[in-house]
Every structure is written in structure tokens, then in C-alpha cells.
Amino acid sequence: MVQVKQDVCDFCGTCVSVCPVDAIELLEAVLIIDQEKCIDCMKCVIVCPLRALEGTK
């Protein structure tokens, strides 16, 4: 499961572009991860330049 640290995210959209299942949506100043679509590949966590995303168990 991937969680967003909203206070760290600068909404650059890098994570959105690498998600293979389109589970991440950027709405103005909020990043939303659809946990039902997310396959926990962690690509978004790896590419986030600010470490605003983290994988949890």
C-alpha cells in the first residue's frame, strides 16, 4: 500500500506518469492514490524526488 505525505508533495506529477495502472490522480493541490487500482509496484515511490510517497505493509 502506498501512502502520500501531502505536506511534502509538491504536486510535480512524476509519480502519475510512471504508474502502470493509472492509480494516481493529481487534483489541484491533492494527490490521490486509488488503493483498489494500485498494484504496489512501488514505481511511484522510487521516482518521487521529494520522497513524498512511501510504501507501507
N, C-alpha and C. Protein backbone atom coordinates (compact mmCIF):
# COMPACT_ATOMS: atom_id res chain seq x y z
N MET A 1 0.83 -1.17 0.00
CA MET A 1 0.00 0.00 0.00
C MET A 1 0.89 1.25 0.00
N VAL A 2 0.58 2.18 -0.86
CA VAL A 2 1.36 3.41 -0.96
C VAL A 2 0.59 4.55 -0.31
N GLN A 3 1.28 5.31 0.51
CA GLN A 3 0.69 6.45 1.20
C GLN A 3 1.37 7.72 0.73
N VAL A 4 0.62 8.82 0.72
CA VAL A 4 1.14 10.12 0.30
C VAL A 4 1.35 11.00 1.52
N LYS A 5 2.51 11.62 1.61
CA LYS A 5 2.75 12.64 2.62
C LYS A 5 2.38 13.97 1.95
N GLN A 6 1.13 14.39 2.11
CA GLN A 6 0.61 15.56 1.42
C GLN A 6 1.40 16.83 1.75
N ASP A 7 1.92 16.91 2.97
CA ASP A 7 2.67 18.09 3.38
C ASP A 7 4.05 18.17 2.74
N VAL A 8 4.52 17.07 2.15
CA VAL A 8 5.83 17.02 1.49
C VAL A 8 5.69 17.15 -0.03
N CYS A 9 4.62 16.62 -0.58
CA CYS A 9 4.39 16.58 -2.03
C CYS A 9 4.31 17.99 -2.62
N ASP A 10 5.02 18.20 -3.74
CA ASP A 10 4.93 19.49 -4.44
C ASP A 10 4.09 19.38 -5.72
N PHE A 11 3.43 18.24 -5.88
CA PHE A 11 2.48 18.00 -6.98
C PHE A 11 3.14 18.12 -8.36
N CYS A 12 4.35 17.58 -8.48
CA CYS A 12 5.08 17.65 -9.74
C CYS A 12 4.51 16.71 -10.80
N GLY A 13 3.84 15.63 -10.37
CA GLY A 13 3.22 14.69 -11.30
C GLY A 13 4.12 13.58 -11.79
N THR A 14 5.34 13.50 -11.30
CA THR A 14 6.26 12.45 -11.73
C THR A 14 5.68 11.07 -11.44
N CYS A 15 5.09 10.90 -10.30
CA CYS A 15 4.51 9.61 -9.92
C CYS A 15 3.34 9.22 -10.84
N VAL A 16 2.56 10.20 -11.22
CA VAL A 16 1.41 9.96 -12.10
C VAL A 16 1.88 9.36 -13.43
N SER A 17 2.98 9.90 -13.94
CA SER A 17 3.46 9.47 -15.26
C SER A 17 4.05 8.06 -15.27
N VAL A 18 4.47 7.54 -14.12
CA VAL A 18 5.08 6.20 -14.11
C VAL A 18 4.13 5.09 -13.65
N CYS A 19 2.96 5.46 -13.18
CA CYS A 19 2.03 4.44 -12.68
C CYS A 19 1.47 3.61 -13.83
N PRO A 20 1.74 2.30 -13.83
CA PRO A 20 1.31 1.45 -14.95
C PRO A 20 -0.19 1.17 -14.98
N VAL A 21 -0.89 1.44 -13.89
CA VAL A 21 -2.33 1.14 -13.84
C VAL A 21 -3.18 2.39 -13.63
N ASP A 22 -2.58 3.56 -13.80
CA ASP A 22 -3.30 4.84 -13.64
C ASP A 22 -4.05 4.93 -12.31
N ALA A 23 -3.37 4.57 -11.24
CA ALA A 23 -3.98 4.59 -9.91
C ALA A 23 -3.76 5.91 -9.19
N ILE A 24 -2.97 6.82 -9.78
CA ILE A 24 -2.65 8.08 -9.12
C ILE A 24 -3.29 9.23 -9.88
N GLU A 25 -3.95 10.09 -9.13
CA GLU A 25 -4.62 11.25 -9.73
C GLU A 25 -4.18 12.52 -9.01
N LEU A 26 -3.88 13.53 -9.78
CA LEU A 26 -3.47 14.81 -9.24
C LEU A 26 -4.60 15.81 -9.42
N LEU A 27 -5.18 16.24 -8.31
CA LEU A 27 -6.28 17.19 -8.35
C LEU A 27 -5.86 18.46 -7.62
N GLU A 28 -5.57 19.50 -8.37
CA GLU A 28 -5.12 20.79 -7.82
C GLU A 28 -4.00 20.57 -6.80
N ALA A 29 -4.28 20.65 -5.53
CA ALA A 29 -3.24 20.52 -4.51
C ALA A 29 -3.40 19.25 -3.68
N VAL A 30 -3.90 18.19 -4.31
CA VAL A 30 -4.07 16.92 -3.62
C VAL A 30 -3.68 15.79 -4.56
N LEU A 31 -2.90 14.86 -4.03
CA LEU A 31 -2.52 13.67 -4.78
C LEU A 31 -3.32 12.50 -4.21
N ILE A 32 -4.04 11.80 -5.08
CA ILE A 32 -4.90 10.71 -4.63
C ILE A 32 -4.43 9.41 -5.25
N ILE A 33 -4.29 8.39 -4.41
CA ILE A 33 -3.94 7.06 -4.90
C ILE A 33 -5.14 6.15 -4.68
N ASP A 34 -5.63 5.60 -5.77
CA ASP A 34 -6.76 4.67 -5.71
C ASP A 34 -6.20 3.32 -5.26
N GLN A 35 -6.42 2.98 -4.01
CA GLN A 35 -5.85 1.76 -3.43
C GLN A 35 -6.42 0.49 -4.07
N GLU A 36 -7.58 0.57 -4.66
CA GLU A 36 -8.15 -0.61 -5.33
C GLU A 36 -7.45 -0.89 -6.66
N LYS A 37 -6.99 0.17 -7.33
CA LYS A 37 -6.27 0.01 -8.60
C LYS A 37 -4.79 -0.28 -8.39
N CYS A 38 -4.23 0.26 -7.31
CA CYS A 38 -2.79 0.17 -7.04
C CYS A 38 -2.34 -1.29 -6.93
N ILE A 39 -1.25 -1.62 -7.63
CA ILE A 39 -0.72 -2.99 -7.60
C ILE A 39 0.56 -3.08 -6.76
N ASP A 40 0.87 -2.03 -6.03
CA ASP A 40 2.04 -1.98 -5.14
C ASP A 40 3.35 -2.28 -5.85
N CYS A 41 3.51 -1.75 -7.05
CA CYS A 41 4.75 -1.95 -7.80
C CYS A 41 5.87 -1.05 -7.28
N MET A 42 5.50 0.00 -6.56
CA MET A 42 6.42 0.95 -5.93
C MET A 42 7.19 1.84 -6.91
N LYS A 43 6.79 1.85 -8.18
CA LYS A 43 7.45 2.73 -9.14
C LYS A 43 7.31 4.19 -8.74
N CYS A 44 6.16 4.56 -8.24
CA CYS A 44 5.92 5.95 -7.82
C CYS A 44 6.81 6.32 -6.64
N VAL A 45 6.98 5.40 -5.71
CA VAL A 45 7.82 5.63 -4.54
C VAL A 45 9.26 5.85 -4.97
N ILE A 46 9.72 5.05 -5.91
CA ILE A 46 11.11 5.12 -6.38
C ILE A 46 11.40 6.42 -7.10
N VAL A 47 10.48 6.92 -7.92
CA VAL A 47 10.76 8.12 -8.73
C VAL A 47 10.47 9.44 -8.03
N CYS A 48 9.79 9.41 -6.90
CA CYS A 48 9.43 10.67 -6.23
C CYS A 48 10.68 11.41 -5.76
N PRO A 49 10.92 12.61 -6.31
CA PRO A 49 12.14 13.34 -5.96
C PRO A 49 12.15 13.88 -4.53
N LEU A 50 10.97 13.98 -3.92
CA LEU A 50 10.88 14.53 -2.56
C LEU A 50 10.60 13.48 -1.49
N ARG A 51 10.50 12.23 -1.91
CA ARG A 51 10.15 11.13 -1.01
C ARG A 51 8.82 11.38 -0.30
N ALA A 52 7.89 11.90 -1.07
CA ALA A 52 6.56 12.18 -0.54
C ALA A 52 5.65 10.97 -0.55
N LEU A 53 6.12 9.91 -1.17
CA LEU A 53 5.35 8.66 -1.21
C LEU A 53 6.12 7.59 -0.46
N GLU A 54 5.38 6.74 0.24
CA GLU A 54 6.05 5.65 0.94
C GLU A 54 5.18 4.40 0.90
N GLY A 55 5.85 3.29 0.76
CA GLY A 55 5.16 2.02 0.75
C GLY A 55 4.98 1.52 2.17
N THR A 56 3.79 1.04 2.47
CA THR A 56 3.51 0.50 3.80
C THR A 56 2.99 -0.91 3.66
N LYS A 57 3.05 -1.65 4.71
CA LYS A 57 2.55 -3.03 4.70
C LYS A 57 1.20 -3.12 5.36
